[in-house]
Amino acid sequence: MSRKLKFKPGKAIRTINEFDKWTDNGGWIYWFGRPKHPSILANQQHNALRNFIKCGYLKKAVLND
């Protein structure tokens, strides 16, 4: 029997402002196929975060019903 995951990947994050808005409201982030607490990515250097967004590595983590 497989375990039901709490989060599933949502829409891709396209801008730094979208990232800030999502994480400021408590949203989690999918990064390389795994949900991550927003503080992990918020503590990254700005240039690294920009590159993750540009390459499409970040997605919104939405609750799985």
PDB file of N, CA and C in Angstrom:
ATOM      1  N   MET A   1       0.847  -1.175   0.000  1.00  0.00           N
ATOM      2  CA  MET A   1       0.000   0.000   0.000  1.00  0.00           C
ATOM      3  C   MET A   1       0.892   1.237   0.000  1.00  0.00           C
ATOM      4  N   SER A   2       0.673   2.114  -0.940  1.00  0.00           N
ATOM      5  CA  SER A   2       1.520   3.297  -1.037  1.00  0.00           C
ATOM      6  C   SER A   2       1.043   4.396  -0.085  1.00  0.00           C
ATOM      7  N   ARG A   3       1.985   5.182   0.332  1.00  0.00           N
ATOM      8  CA  ARG A   3       1.718   6.278   1.257  1.00  0.00           C
ATOM      9  C   ARG A   3       1.227   7.504   0.487  1.00  0.00           C
ATOM     10  N   LYS A   4       0.214   8.159   0.993  1.00  0.00           N
ATOM     11  CA  LYS A   4      -0.306   9.370   0.355  1.00  0.00           C
ATOM     12  C   LYS A   4       0.570  10.551   0.757  1.00  0.00           C
ATOM     13  N   LEU A   5       1.059  11.261  -0.228  1.00  0.00           N
ATOM     14  CA  LEU A   5       1.925  12.415   0.020  1.00  0.00           C
ATOM     15  C   LEU A   5       1.105  13.622   0.449  1.00  0.00           C
ATOM     16  N   LYS A   6       1.679  14.426   1.328  1.00  0.00           N
ATOM     17  CA  LYS A   6       0.980  15.607   1.825  1.00  0.00           C
ATOM     18  C   LYS A   6       0.890  16.693   0.761  1.00  0.00           C
ATOM     19  N   PHE A   7       1.949  16.852  -0.045  1.00  0.00           N
ATOM     20  CA  PHE A   7       1.997  17.892  -1.073  1.00  0.00           C
ATOM     21  C   PHE A   7       2.132  17.276  -2.454  1.00  0.00           C
ATOM     22  N   LYS A   8       1.691  18.034  -3.439  1.00  0.00           N
ATOM     23  CA  LYS A   8       1.920  17.686  -4.831  1.00  0.00           C
ATOM     24  C   LYS A   8       2.409  18.951  -5.535  1.00  0.00           C
ATOM     25  N   PRO A   9       3.139  18.813  -6.644  1.00  0.00           N
ATOM     26  CA  PRO A   9       3.635  20.000  -7.346  1.00  0.00           C
ATOM     27  C   PRO A   9       2.496  20.790  -7.989  1.00  0.00           C
ATOM     28  N   GLY A  10       2.601  22.101  -7.871  1.00  0.00           N
ATOM     29  CA  GLY A  10       1.627  22.991  -8.488  1.00  0.00           C
ATOM     30  C   GLY A  10       2.253  23.736  -9.649  1.00  0.00           C
ATOM     31  N   LYS A  11       1.811  24.958  -9.849  1.00  0.00           N
ATOM     32  CA  LYS A  11       2.322  25.794 -10.942  1.00  0.00           C
ATOM     33  C   LYS A  11       3.766  26.193 -10.687  1.00  0.00           C
ATOM     34  N   ALA A  12       4.497  26.385 -11.772  1.00  0.00           N
ATOM     35  CA  ALA A  12       5.887  26.824 -11.676  1.00  0.00           C
ATOM     36  C   ALA A  12       5.950  28.272 -11.196  1.00  0.00           C
ATOM     37  N   ILE A  13       6.977  28.579 -10.446  1.00  0.00           N
ATOM     38  CA  ILE A  13       7.219  29.954  -9.990  1.00  0.00           C
ATOM     39  C   ILE A  13       8.066  30.631 -11.052  1.00  0.00           C
ATOM     40  N   ARG A  14       7.606  31.774 -11.523  1.00  0.00           N
ATOM     41  CA  ARG A  14       8.254  32.448 -12.655  1.00  0.00           C
ATOM     42  C   ARG A  14       9.066  33.689 -12.275  1.00  0.00           C
ATOM     43  N   THR A  15       8.801  34.283 -11.096  1.00  0.00           N
ATOM     44  CA  THR A  15       9.508  35.510 -10.710  1.00  0.00           C
ATOM     45  C   THR A  15       9.874  35.475  -9.231  1.00  0.00           C
ATOM     46  N   ILE A  16      10.823  36.326  -8.868  1.00  0.00           N
ATOM     47  CA  ILE A  16      11.212  36.472  -7.461  1.00  0.00           C
ATOM     48  C   ILE A  16      10.022  36.998  -6.657  1.00  0.00           C
ATOM     49  N   ASN A  17       9.266  37.925  -7.219  1.00  0.00           N
ATOM     50  CA  ASN A  17       8.099  38.474  -6.515  1.00  0.00           C
ATOM     51  C   ASN A  17       7.061  37.389  -6.245  1.00  0.00           C
ATOM     52  N   GLU A  18       6.849  36.512  -7.194  1.00  0.00           N
ATOM     53  CA  GLU A  18       5.904  35.415  -7.005  1.00  0.00           C
ATOM     54  C   GLU A  18       6.412  34.466  -5.904  1.00  0.00           C
ATOM     55  N   PHE A  19       7.718  34.204  -5.895  1.00  0.00           N
ATOM     56  CA  PHE A  19       8.324  33.386  -4.839  1.00  0.00           C
ATOM     57  C   PHE A  19       8.115  34.026  -3.470  1.00  0.00           C
ATOM     58  N   ASP A  20       8.409  35.332  -3.374  1.00  0.00           N
ATOM     59  CA  ASP A  20       8.248  36.046  -2.108  1.00  0.00           C
ATOM     60  C   ASP A  20       6.804  36.032  -1.619  1.00  0.00           C
ATOM     61  N   LYS A  21       5.880  36.278  -2.517  1.00  0.00           N
ATOM     62  CA  LYS A  21       4.469  36.315  -2.143  1.00  0.00           C
ATOM     63  C   LYS A  21       4.005  34.938  -1.647  1.00  0.00           C
ATOM     64  N   TRP A  22       4.411  33.873  -2.343  1.00  0.00           N
ATOM     65  CA  TRP A  22       4.012  32.517  -1.969  1.00  0.00           C
ATOM     66  C   TRP A  22       4.607  32.121  -0.609  1.00  0.00           C
ATOM     67  N   THR A  23       5.900  32.377  -0.423  1.00  0.00           N
ATOM     68  CA  THR A  23       6.553  31.954   0.821  1.00  0.00           C
ATOM     69  C   THR A  23       6.184  32.851   2.002  1.00  0.00           C
ATOM     70  N   ASP A  24       5.918  34.113   1.768  1.00  0.00           N
ATOM     71  CA  ASP A  24       5.499  35.008   2.858  1.00  0.00           C
ATOM     72  C   ASP A  24       4.153  34.581   3.435  1.00  0.00           C
ATOM     73  N   ASN A  25       3.341  33.913   2.635  1.00  0.00           N
ATOM     74  CA  ASN A  25       2.036  33.429   3.094  1.00  0.00           C
ATOM     75  C   ASN A  25       2.090  31.977   3.574  1.00  0.00           C
ATOM     76  N   GLY A  26       3.298  31.464   3.807  1.00  0.00           N
ATOM     77  CA  GLY A  26       3.457  30.126   4.374  1.00  0.00           C
ATOM     78  C   GLY A  26       3.484  28.991   3.369  1.00  0.00           C
ATOM     79  N   GLY A  27       3.563  29.313   2.087  1.00  0.00           N
ATOM     80  CA  GLY A  27       3.579  28.262   1.072  1.00  0.00           C
ATOM     81  C   GLY A  27       4.904  27.527   1.012  1.00  0.00           C
ATOM     82  N   TRP A  28       4.837  26.229   0.797  1.00  0.00           N
ATOM     83  CA  TRP A  28       6.025  25.412   0.618  1.00  0.00           C
ATOM     84  C   TRP A  28       6.388  25.376  -0.855  1.00  0.00           C
ATOM     85  N   ILE A  29       7.622  24.944  -1.154  1.00  0.00           N
ATOM     86  CA  ILE A  29       8.149  24.957  -2.512  1.00  0.00           C
ATOM     87  C   ILE A  29       8.595  23.555  -2.913  1.00  0.00           C
ATOM     88  N   TYR A  30       8.289  23.147  -4.153  1.00  0.00           N
ATOM     89  CA  TYR A  30       8.863  21.937  -4.725  1.00  0.00           C
ATOM     90  C   TYR A  30      10.179  22.329  -5.382  1.00  0.00           C
ATOM     91  N   TRP A  31      11.247  21.669  -4.969  1.00  0.00           N
ATOM     92  CA  TRP A  31      12.583  21.952  -5.489  1.00  0.00           C
ATOM     93  C   TRP A  31      13.218  20.624  -5.848  1.00  0.00           C
ATOM     94  N   PHE A  32      13.516  20.412  -7.109  1.00  0.00           N
ATOM     95  CA  PHE A  32      14.060  19.155  -7.623  1.00  0.00           C
ATOM     96  C   PHE A  32      13.181  17.968  -7.231  1.00  0.00           C
ATOM     97  N   GLY A  33      11.856  18.147  -7.353  1.00  0.00           N
ATOM     98  CA  GLY A  33      10.924  17.059  -7.155  1.00  0.00           C
ATOM     99  C   GLY A  33      10.565  16.721  -5.720  1.00  0.00           C
ATOM    100  N   ARG A  34      10.979  17.557  -4.760  1.00  0.00           N
ATOM    101  CA  ARG A  34      10.662  17.306  -3.356  1.00  0.00           C
ATOM    102  C   ARG A  34      10.160  18.580  -2.693  1.00  0.00           C
ATOM    103  N   PRO A  35       9.159  18.463  -1.814  1.00  0.00           N
ATOM    104  CA  PRO A  35       8.689  19.663  -1.110  1.00  0.00           C
ATOM    105  C   PRO A  35       9.710  20.117  -0.080  1.00  0.00           C
ATOM    106  N   LYS A  36       9.935  21.426  -0.019  1.00  0.00           N
ATOM    107  CA  LYS A  36      10.901  22.009   0.908  1.00  0.00           C
ATOM    108  C   LYS A  36      10.263  23.163   1.664  1.00  0.00           C
ATOM    109  N   HIS A  37      10.668  23.308   2.915  1.00  0.00           N
ATOM    110  CA  HIS A  37      10.224  24.452   3.710  1.00  0.00           C
ATOM    111  C   HIS A  37      10.786  25.717   3.059  1.00  0.00           C
ATOM    112  N   PRO A  38      10.025  26.801   3.015  1.00  0.00           N
ATOM    113  CA  PRO A  38      10.480  28.009   2.308  1.00  0.00           C
ATOM    114  C   PRO A  38      11.759  28.616   2.871  1.00  0.00           C
ATOM    115  N   SER A  39      12.064  28.397   4.146  1.00  0.00           N
ATOM    116  CA  SER A  39      13.275  28.997   4.719  1.00  0.00           C
ATOM    117  C   SER A  39      14.541  28.433   4.082  1.00  0.00           C
ATOM    118  N   ILE A  40      14.490  27.200   3.594  1.00  0.00           N
ATOM    119  CA  ILE A  40      15.666  26.603   2.951  1.00  0.00           C
ATOM    120  C   ILE A  40      16.045  27.397   1.707  1.00  0.00           C
ATOM    121  N   LEU A  41      15.063  27.757   0.914  1.00  0.00           N
ATOM    122  CA  LEU A  41      15.345  28.503  -0.314  1.00  0.00           C
ATOM    123  C   LEU A  41      15.486  29.996  -0.067  1.00  0.00           C
ATOM    124  N   ALA A  42      14.802  30.516   0.944  1.00  0.00           N
ATOM    125  CA  ALA A  42      14.899  31.948   1.240  1.00  0.00           C
ATOM    126  C   ALA A  42      16.304  32.314   1.702  1.00  0.00           C
ATOM    127  N   ASN A  43      17.047  31.350   2.240  1.00  0.00           N
ATOM    128  CA  ASN A  43      18.407  31.611   2.703  1.00  0.00           C
ATOM    129  C   ASN A  43      19.460  31.400   1.619  1.00  0.00           C
ATOM    130  N   GLN A  44      19.037  31.067   0.418  1.00  0.00           N
ATOM    131  CA  GLN A  44      19.962  30.940  -0.707  1.00  0.00           C
ATOM    132  C   GLN A  44      20.399  32.329  -1.177  1.00  0.00           C
ATOM    133  N   GLN A  45      21.535  32.387  -1.833  1.00  0.00           N
ATOM    134  CA  GLN A  45      21.958  33.654  -2.407  1.00  0.00           C
ATOM    135  C   GLN A  45      20.981  34.054  -3.504  1.00  0.00           C
ATOM    136  N   HIS A  46      20.810  35.351  -3.671  1.00  0.00           N
ATOM    137  CA  HIS A  46      19.847  35.887  -4.633  1.00  0.00           C
ATOM    138  C   HIS A  46      20.105  35.355  -6.040  1.00  0.00           C
ATOM    139  N   ASN A  47      21.345  35.313  -6.445  1.00  0.00           N
ATOM    140  CA  ASN A  47      21.678  34.856  -7.791  1.00  0.00           C
ATOM    141  C   ASN A  47      21.312  33.383  -7.985  1.00  0.00           C
ATOM    142  N   ALA A  48      21.547  32.556  -6.984  1.00  0.00           N
ATOM    143  CA  ALA A  48      21.192  31.140  -7.068  1.00  0.00           C
ATOM    144  C   ALA A  48      19.675  30.982  -7.171  1.00  0.00           C
ATOM    145  N   LEU A  49      18.942  31.725  -6.367  1.00  0.00           N
ATOM    146  CA  LEU A  49      17.479  31.664  -6.398  1.00  0.00           C
ATOM    147  C   LEU A  49      16.949  32.097  -7.769  1.00  0.00           C
ATOM    148  N   ARG A  50      17.516  33.154  -8.323  1.00  0.00           N
ATOM    149  CA  ARG A  50      17.117  33.608  -9.665  1.00  0.00           C
ATOM    150  C   ARG A  50      17.343  32.524 -10.706  1.00  0.00           C
ATOM    151  N   ASN A  51      18.486  31.833 -10.616  1.00  0.00           N
ATOM    152  CA  ASN A  51      18.786  30.773 -11.580  1.00  0.00           C
ATOM    153  C   ASN A  51      17.845  29.581 -11.426  1.00  0.00           C
ATOM    154  N   PHE A  52      17.479  29.229 -10.196  1.00  0.00           N
ATOM    155  CA  PHE A  52      16.519  28.145  -9.983  1.00  0.00           C
ATOM    156  C   PHE A  52      15.185  28.485 -10.645  1.00  0.00           C
ATOM    157  N   ILE A  53      14.750  29.731 -10.491  1.00  0.00           N
ATOM    158  CA  ILE A  53      13.486  30.173 -11.090  1.00  0.00           C
ATOM    159  C   ILE A  53      13.590  30.174 -12.613  1.00  0.00           C
ATOM    160  N   LYS A  54      14.690  30.705 -13.118  1.00  0.00           N
ATOM    161  CA  LYS A  54      14.896  30.800 -14.564  1.00  0.00           C
ATOM    162  C   LYS A  54      14.915  29.419 -15.228  1.00  0.00           C
ATOM    163  N   CYS A  55      15.487  28.439 -14.558  1.00  0.00           N
ATOM    164  CA  CYS A  55      15.573  27.077 -15.105  1.00  0.00           C
ATOM    165  C   CYS A  55      14.309  26.262 -14.876  1.00  0.00           C
ATOM    166  N   GLY A  56      13.356  26.810 -14.121  1.00  0.00           N
ATOM    167  CA  GLY A  56      12.094  26.116 -13.889  1.00  0.00           C
ATOM    168  C   GLY A  56      12.161  25.037 -12.819  1.00  0.00           C
ATOM    169  N   TYR A  57      13.126  25.139 -11.902  1.00  0.00           N
ATOM    170  CA  TYR A  57      13.286  24.141 -10.848  1.00  0.00           C
ATOM    171  C   TYR A  57      12.295  24.309  -9.703  1.00  0.00           C
ATOM    172  N   LEU A  58      11.698  25.483  -9.548  1.00  0.00           N
ATOM    173  CA  LEU A  58      10.826  25.742  -8.413  1.00  0.00           C
ATOM    174  C   LEU A  58       9.358  25.722  -8.819  1.00  0.00           C
ATOM    175  N   LYS A  59       8.569  25.002  -8.026  1.00  0.00           N
ATOM    176  CA  LYS A  59       7.121  24.961  -8.218  1.00  0.00           C
ATOM    177  C   LYS A  59       6.452  25.151  -6.872  1.00  0.00           C
ATOM    178  N   LYS A  60       5.235  25.620  -6.897  1.00  0.00           N
ATOM    179  CA  LYS A  60       4.466  25.757  -5.676  1.00  0.00           C
ATOM    180  C   LYS A  60       4.064  24.359  -5.202  1.00  0.00           C
ATOM    181  N   ALA A  61       4.193  24.127  -3.898  1.00  0.00           N
ATOM    182  CA  ALA A  61       3.740  22.862  -3.302  1.00  0.00           C
ATOM    183  C   ALA A  61       2.335  23.084  -2.777  1.00  0.00           C
ATOM    184  N   VAL A  62       1.376  22.366  -3.334  1.00  0.00           N
ATOM    185  CA  VAL A  62      -0.015  22.512  -2.917  1.00  0.00           C
ATOM    186  C   VAL A  62      -0.441  21.256  -2.161  1.00  0.00           C
ATOM    187  N   LEU A  63      -1.372  21.417  -1.248  1.00  0.00           N
ATOM    188  CA  LEU A  63      -1.836  20.277  -0.452  1.00  0.00           C
ATOM    189  C   LEU A  63      -2.545  19.259  -1.338  1.00  0.00           C
ATOM    190  N   ASN A  64      -2.246  18.008  -1.091  1.00  0.00           N
ATOM    191  CA  ASN A  64      -2.839  16.906  -1.833  1.00  0.00           C
ATOM    192  C   ASN A  64      -4.108  16.470  -1.101  1.00  0.00           C
ATOM    193  N   ASP A  65      -5.245  16.557  -1.767  1.00  0.00           N
ATOM    194  CA  ASP A  65      -6.525  16.188  -1.136  1.00  0.00           C
ATOM    195  C   ASP A  65      -6.703  14.710  -0.992  1.00  0.00           C
TER     196      ASP A  65
END
